[in-house]
Protein backbone atom coordinates (compact mmCIF):
# COMPACT_ATOMS: atom_id res chain seq x y z
CA MET A 1 -21.36 3.76 1.59
CA GLU A 2 -23.52 2.38 -1.12
CA HIS A 3 -21.72 1.61 -4.45
CA LYS A 4 -23.74 2.27 -7.66
CA SER A 5 -21.68 1.33 -10.96
CA PRO A 6 -19.74 4.46 -11.75
CA ALA A 7 -21.60 5.71 -14.62
CA ARG A 8 -18.94 8.41 -15.63
CA LEU A 9 -15.87 5.60 -15.74
CA PRO A 10 -16.78 4.31 -19.10
CA ALA A 11 -16.48 7.97 -20.74
CA LEU A 12 -13.07 8.31 -18.48
CA LYS A 13 -12.01 5.20 -20.43
CA LEU A 14 -12.91 6.25 -23.61
CA ILE A 15 -10.77 9.69 -23.40
CA ALA A 16 -7.83 7.76 -21.82
CA VAL A 17 -8.01 5.31 -24.69
CA ALA A 18 -8.14 8.13 -27.20
CA LEU A 19 -5.32 9.97 -25.62
CA LEU A 20 -3.40 6.61 -25.68
CA LEU A 21 -4.41 5.94 -29.25
CA GLY A 22 -3.45 9.31 -30.03
CA VAL A 23 0.28 8.96 -28.77
CA PHE A 24 0.29 5.56 -30.61
CA ILE A 25 -1.28 6.61 -33.94
CA TYR A 26 1.42 9.82 -34.20
CA THR A 27 4.49 7.60 -33.75
CA THR A 28 3.06 5.25 -36.26
CA ILE A 29 2.95 8.24 -38.58
CA VAL A 30 6.24 9.36 -37.87
CA ALA A 31 8.05 6.18 -38.05
CA GLY A 32 6.09 5.35 -41.24
CA LEU A 33 7.45 8.58 -42.76
CA LEU A 34 11.11 7.83 -41.73
CA ILE A 35 10.78 4.62 -43.13
CA ALA A 36 9.63 5.93 -46.46
CA GLY A 37 12.25 8.54 -46.35
CA SER A 38 9.89 11.17 -46.21
CA ALA A 39 10.74 12.89 -42.91
CA PRO A 40 12.71 16.22 -43.05
CA LYS A 41 16.26 16.26 -42.56
CA SER A 42 17.99 15.44 -39.60
CA THR A 43 18.60 18.62 -37.55
CA GLY A 44 20.59 16.81 -34.39
CA PRO A 45 19.51 15.51 -31.21
CA GLY A 46 21.22 17.83 -28.87
CA LEU A 47 18.19 19.95 -27.85
CA PHE A 48 15.37 17.05 -28.13
CA THR A 49 17.61 15.06 -25.88
CA ILE A 50 18.00 17.80 -23.10
CA LEU A 51 14.03 18.27 -23.49
CA ILE A 52 12.98 14.62 -23.53
CA LEU A 53 15.20 13.79 -20.59
CA ALA A 54 13.92 17.00 -18.71
CA THR A 55 10.29 16.43 -19.65
CA GLY A 56 11.02 12.38 -18.45
CA LEU A 57 12.72 12.87 -15.40
CA THR A 58 9.67 15.40 -14.36
CA MET A 59 6.48 14.70 -15.66
CA VAL A 60 6.87 10.67 -15.82
CA PRO A 61 7.89 10.29 -11.82
CA PHE A 62 5.09 12.88 -11.14
CA CYS A 63 2.49 10.70 -12.57
CA PHE A 64 3.43 8.17 -10.27
CA ALA A 65 3.66 10.61 -7.00
CA PHE A 66 0.95 12.64 -7.87
CA GLY A 67 -1.75 9.38 -6.81
CA PRO A 68 -0.78 9.60 -3.32
CA ILE A 69 -0.65 13.62 -2.94
CA PHE A 70 -4.25 13.89 -4.77
CA ALA A 71 -5.55 10.91 -2.86
CA GLY A 72 -4.06 12.80 0.28
CA ALA A 73 -5.63 16.31 -0.93
CA ALA A 74 -9.19 14.35 -1.40
CA ARG A 75 -8.73 12.21 1.89
CA GLN A 76 -8.65 16.01 3.39
CA GLN A 77 -11.62 17.46 1.94
CA TRP A 78 -13.66 13.99 2.47
CA PRO A 79 -15.31 15.14 5.62
CA THR A 80 -16.91 18.05 3.73
CA HIS A 81 -18.42 16.00 1.43
CA ARG A 82 -19.44 12.74 3.45
CA ASP A 83 -22.76 13.80 3.96
CA ASP A 84 -23.77 15.06 0.75
CA PRO A 85 -26.10 12.81 -1.25
CA ARG A 86 -23.82 13.13 -4.10
CA ALA A 87 -20.57 12.50 -2.50
CA GLY A 88 -20.14 9.28 -4.82
CA ASP A 89 -20.02 11.73 -7.31
CA TRP A 90 -17.52 13.52 -6.07
CA LEU A 91 -15.58 10.72 -5.12
CA LEU A 92 -15.75 9.86 -9.02
CA ASN A 93 -14.99 13.02 -10.35
CA GLN A 94 -11.41 13.20 -7.86
CA PHE A 95 -10.55 9.74 -9.66
CA ALA A 96 -11.35 11.15 -13.17
CA SER A 97 -9.33 14.27 -12.16
CA LEU A 98 -6.19 12.44 -11.27
CA THR A 99 -6.42 10.35 -14.12
CA THR A 100 -6.77 13.14 -16.85
CA ILE A 101 -3.76 14.80 -15.23
CA ARG A 102 -1.89 11.70 -15.64
CA PHE A 103 -2.56 10.89 -18.70
CA ALA A 104 -1.86 14.57 -19.62
CA LEU A 105 1.44 14.62 -18.73
CA VAL A 106 2.49 11.29 -19.84
CA GLU A 107 1.27 12.36 -23.30
CA ALA A 108 2.78 15.08 -23.64
CA PHE A 109 6.04 13.27 -23.12
CA GLY A 110 5.24 10.79 -25.78
CA VAL A 111 4.25 13.50 -28.48
CA LEU A 112 7.52 14.99 -27.65
CA GLY A 113 9.48 12.08 -28.23
CA ALA A 114 7.71 11.40 -31.50
CA THR A 115 8.35 14.83 -32.57
CA ALA A 116 11.74 14.59 -31.84
CA LEU A 117 11.99 11.43 -33.62
CA LEU A 118 10.41 12.89 -36.85
CA LEU A 119 12.58 16.17 -36.77
CA THR A 120 15.69 14.65 -36.11
CA GLY A 121 15.21 11.00 -37.57
CA GLN A 122 17.23 9.87 -34.36
CA TRP A 123 15.39 6.07 -33.69
CA ALA A 124 16.47 6.21 -30.05
CA PHE A 125 13.61 9.10 -29.64
CA ILE A 126 11.01 6.22 -30.11
CA VAL A 127 11.46 5.37 -25.90
CA ALA A 128 9.50 8.16 -25.48
CA PRO A 129 6.60 7.40 -26.98
CA LEU A 130 6.66 3.70 -26.31
CA LEU A 131 7.30 4.38 -22.66
CA ALA A 132 4.46 6.68 -22.71
CA ILE A 133 1.76 3.97 -24.17
CA GLY A 134 3.11 1.55 -21.50
CA ILE A 135 2.36 3.95 -18.62
CA MET A 136 -0.98 5.12 -19.85
CA ALA A 137 -1.22 1.21 -19.90
CA ILE A 138 -0.83 1.14 -16.24
CA PHE A 139 -3.02 4.05 -15.37
CA MET A 140 -5.81 2.96 -18.03
CA PRO A 141 -8.90 3.49 -15.50
CA THR A 142 -10.82 0.69 -14.17
CA GLU A 143 -13.48 -0.09 -11.77
CA GLY A 144 -11.31 -1.95 -9.48
CA LYS A 145 -8.87 1.55 -9.55
CA ALA A 146 -11.60 3.69 -9.26
CA ARG A 147 -12.66 1.47 -6.24
CA ALA A 148 -9.55 1.48 -4.58
CA PHE A 149 -9.14 5.36 -4.93
CA ILE A 150 -12.34 5.70 -3.07
CA THR A 151 -11.32 3.19 -0.42
CA ASN A 152 -7.82 5.06 -0.26
CA VAL A 153 -9.85 8.36 0.63
CA THR A 154 -13.02 7.41 2.51
CA GLY A 155 -11.57 4.32 4.44
CA GLN A 156 -14.20 2.34 3.65
CA VAL A 157 -15.00 -0.43 0.74
CA PRO A 158 -17.69 0.54 -1.37
CA ARG A 159 -20.74 -1.71 -1.98
């Protein structure tokens, strides 16, 4: 399999960075409002604690488990795409879809945590957006990760 430098990878990186920065900037604004005393009065952490625990315990592990699941599904579809002249595009689209789904799930968790921080004033909720930013950094798309995904799906190392 001939390897061309993935043209779409820079766009995917830009989207990933934008999502990561969105969580970071929103959390920074919320923290600034709380420090300045401009945030709403505390509504109590009860419901948000349940929501964040439920979200964190489902979405975050799913982001890690989804990689092998998604690669397995792509591996099953690969024989029907192998001979297509645009097979490389298909593979990169699969990698981009996986990355986008992961980022969207983790972003939701981070924004929920920052919103809980804003509405309750409970600083413990800052853990969710910080964790989300860390996970996004782990899943940040790189050429090496795209190549590893392609190798996992096709069984061939891209040149």
